[in-house]
């Protein structure tokens, strides 16, 4: 009920604003109908439960779907891009792995 009342009030407000703009700039008077309003419930998030749920879904659904289930992730595509950048940065900055037998000192079990 609150969302419907708020949407109606905002539509009326934008109708007035767009009609004023329309007289000044010859803009379309019907543009106010193209404005979309989104509402979210303002309830405290249980982040631990969300993390456990998404952790259990790994391998069963796509990463995009898993990230969309988290309330603190607003833009899934941005988050996926940042994850790829961090992974690439980690790969570039990771020290090279060395072979134990070719290290200085060689294999300790071999007799001399």
Protein backbone atom coordinates (compact mmCIF):
# COMPACT_ATOMS: atom_id res chain seq x y z
CA UNK A 1 0.00 0.00 0.00
CA UNK A 2 2.81 2.37 0.89
CA UNK A 3 4.59 1.71 -2.42
CA UNK A 4 1.41 2.39 -4.43
CA UNK A 5 0.74 5.65 -2.59
CA UNK A 6 4.35 6.76 -2.98
CA UNK A 7 4.35 5.88 -6.68
CA UNK A 8 1.12 7.83 -7.23
CA UNK A 9 2.55 10.87 -5.42
CA UNK A 10 5.81 10.71 -7.38
CA UNK A 11 3.96 10.32 -10.68
CA UNK A 12 1.93 13.45 -9.93
CA UNK A 13 5.07 15.35 -8.94
CA UNK A 14 6.91 14.34 -12.11
CA UNK A 15 3.84 15.14 -14.21
CA UNK A 16 3.96 18.73 -12.91
CA UNK A 17 7.72 19.01 -13.43
CA UNK A 18 7.62 17.60 -16.96
CA UNK A 19 4.71 19.86 -17.93
CA UNK A 20 6.73 22.90 -16.76
CA UNK A 21 9.76 21.69 -18.71
CA UNK A 22 7.54 21.04 -21.72
CA UNK A 23 6.41 24.66 -21.89
CA UNK A 24 9.99 25.91 -21.74
CA UNK A 25 11.76 23.42 -24.01
CA UNK A 26 8.98 21.86 -26.11
CA UNK A 27 9.68 18.49 -24.50
CA UNK A 28 7.09 15.74 -24.70
CA UNK A 29 4.51 16.12 -21.96
CA UNK A 30 4.11 12.32 -21.72
CA UNK A 31 7.76 11.69 -20.76
CA UNK A 32 6.82 11.52 -17.09
CA UNK A 33 5.24 8.11 -17.78
CA UNK A 34 8.66 6.74 -18.74
CA UNK A 35 10.06 7.28 -15.24
CA UNK A 36 10.37 4.05 -13.26
CA UNK A 37 10.38 3.84 -9.46
CA UNK A 38 11.99 0.99 -7.54
CA UNK A 39 11.49 0.24 -3.88
CA UNK A 40 13.38 -2.08 -1.56
CA UNK A 41 12.36 -3.31 1.85
CA UNK A 42 14.46 -1.74 4.57
CA UNK A 43 14.92 -4.82 6.70
CA UNK A 44 18.16 -5.79 8.41
CA UNK A 45 20.08 -8.26 6.30
CA UNK A 46 21.32 -11.54 7.69
CA UNK A 47 24.64 -11.55 5.85
CA UNK A 48 25.90 -14.78 7.41
CA UNK A 49 22.84 -16.70 6.25
CA UNK A 50 23.12 -15.19 2.77
CA UNK A 51 26.80 -16.12 2.56
CA UNK A 52 26.12 -19.70 3.67
CA UNK A 53 23.31 -20.04 1.15
CA UNK A 54 25.37 -18.72 -1.74
CA UNK A 55 28.32 -20.88 -0.68
CA UNK A 56 26.14 -23.98 -0.85
CA UNK A 57 24.91 -22.98 -4.31
CA UNK A 58 28.44 -22.85 -5.76
CA UNK A 59 28.61 -25.11 -8.77
CA UNK A 60 24.82 -25.45 -8.95
CA UNK A 61 23.97 -22.00 -10.33
CA UNK A 62 25.93 -19.34 -12.20
CA UNK A 63 28.09 -16.78 -10.43
CA UNK A 64 25.78 -14.03 -11.63
CA UNK A 65 22.78 -15.72 -9.98
CA UNK A 66 24.71 -16.32 -6.77
CA UNK A 67 25.82 -12.69 -6.53
CA UNK A 68 22.30 -11.45 -7.23
CA UNK A 69 21.12 -13.28 -4.09
CA UNK A 70 23.37 -11.17 -1.86
CA UNK A 71 21.60 -8.07 -0.53
CA UNK A 72 24.80 -6.03 -0.27
CA UNK A 73 25.70 -6.48 -3.97
CA UNK A 74 23.91 -3.78 -5.96
CA UNK A 75 25.49 -4.24 -9.40
CA UNK A 76 26.26 -7.86 -10.25
CA UNK A 77 28.09 -7.10 -13.51
CA UNK A 78 30.37 -4.59 -11.75
CA UNK A 79 31.10 -7.13 -9.03
CA UNK A 80 31.98 -9.84 -11.57
CA UNK A 81 34.28 -7.41 -13.37
CA UNK A 82 36.03 -6.46 -10.11
CA UNK A 83 36.44 -10.15 -9.21
CA UNK A 84 38.11 -10.83 -12.57
CA UNK A 85 40.42 -7.82 -12.15
CA UNK A 86 41.44 -8.94 -8.65
CA UNK A 87 42.07 -12.47 -9.87
CA UNK A 88 44.24 -11.18 -12.73
CA UNK A 89 46.15 -8.89 -10.35
CA UNK A 90 46.73 -11.80 -7.98
CA UNK A 91 48.03 -13.97 -10.82
CA UNK A 92 50.42 -11.24 -11.97
CA UNK A 93 51.77 -10.52 -8.48
CA UNK A 94 52.06 -14.13 -7.32
CA UNK A 95 55.70 -15.24 -6.91
CA UNK A 96 56.74 -18.05 -9.26
CA UNK A 97 56.64 -21.56 -7.90
CA UNK A 98 60.04 -23.28 -7.67
CA UNK A 99 60.85 -26.94 -7.98
CA UNK A 100 62.09 -28.38 -4.68
CA UNK A 101 64.79 -30.50 -6.33
CA UNK A 102 66.26 -27.62 -8.32
CA UNK A 103 66.48 -25.28 -5.34
CA UNK A 104 69.88 -24.53 -3.85
CA UNK A 105 70.73 -27.48 -1.67
CA UNK A 106 68.90 -30.06 -3.79
CA UNK A 107 67.16 -33.10 -2.35
CA UNK A 108 68.12 -33.72 1.24
CA UNK A 109 67.45 -37.48 1.17
CA UNK A 110 70.08 -38.27 -1.50
CA UNK A 111 73.50 -39.42 -0.32
CA UNK A 112 76.51 -37.40 -1.49
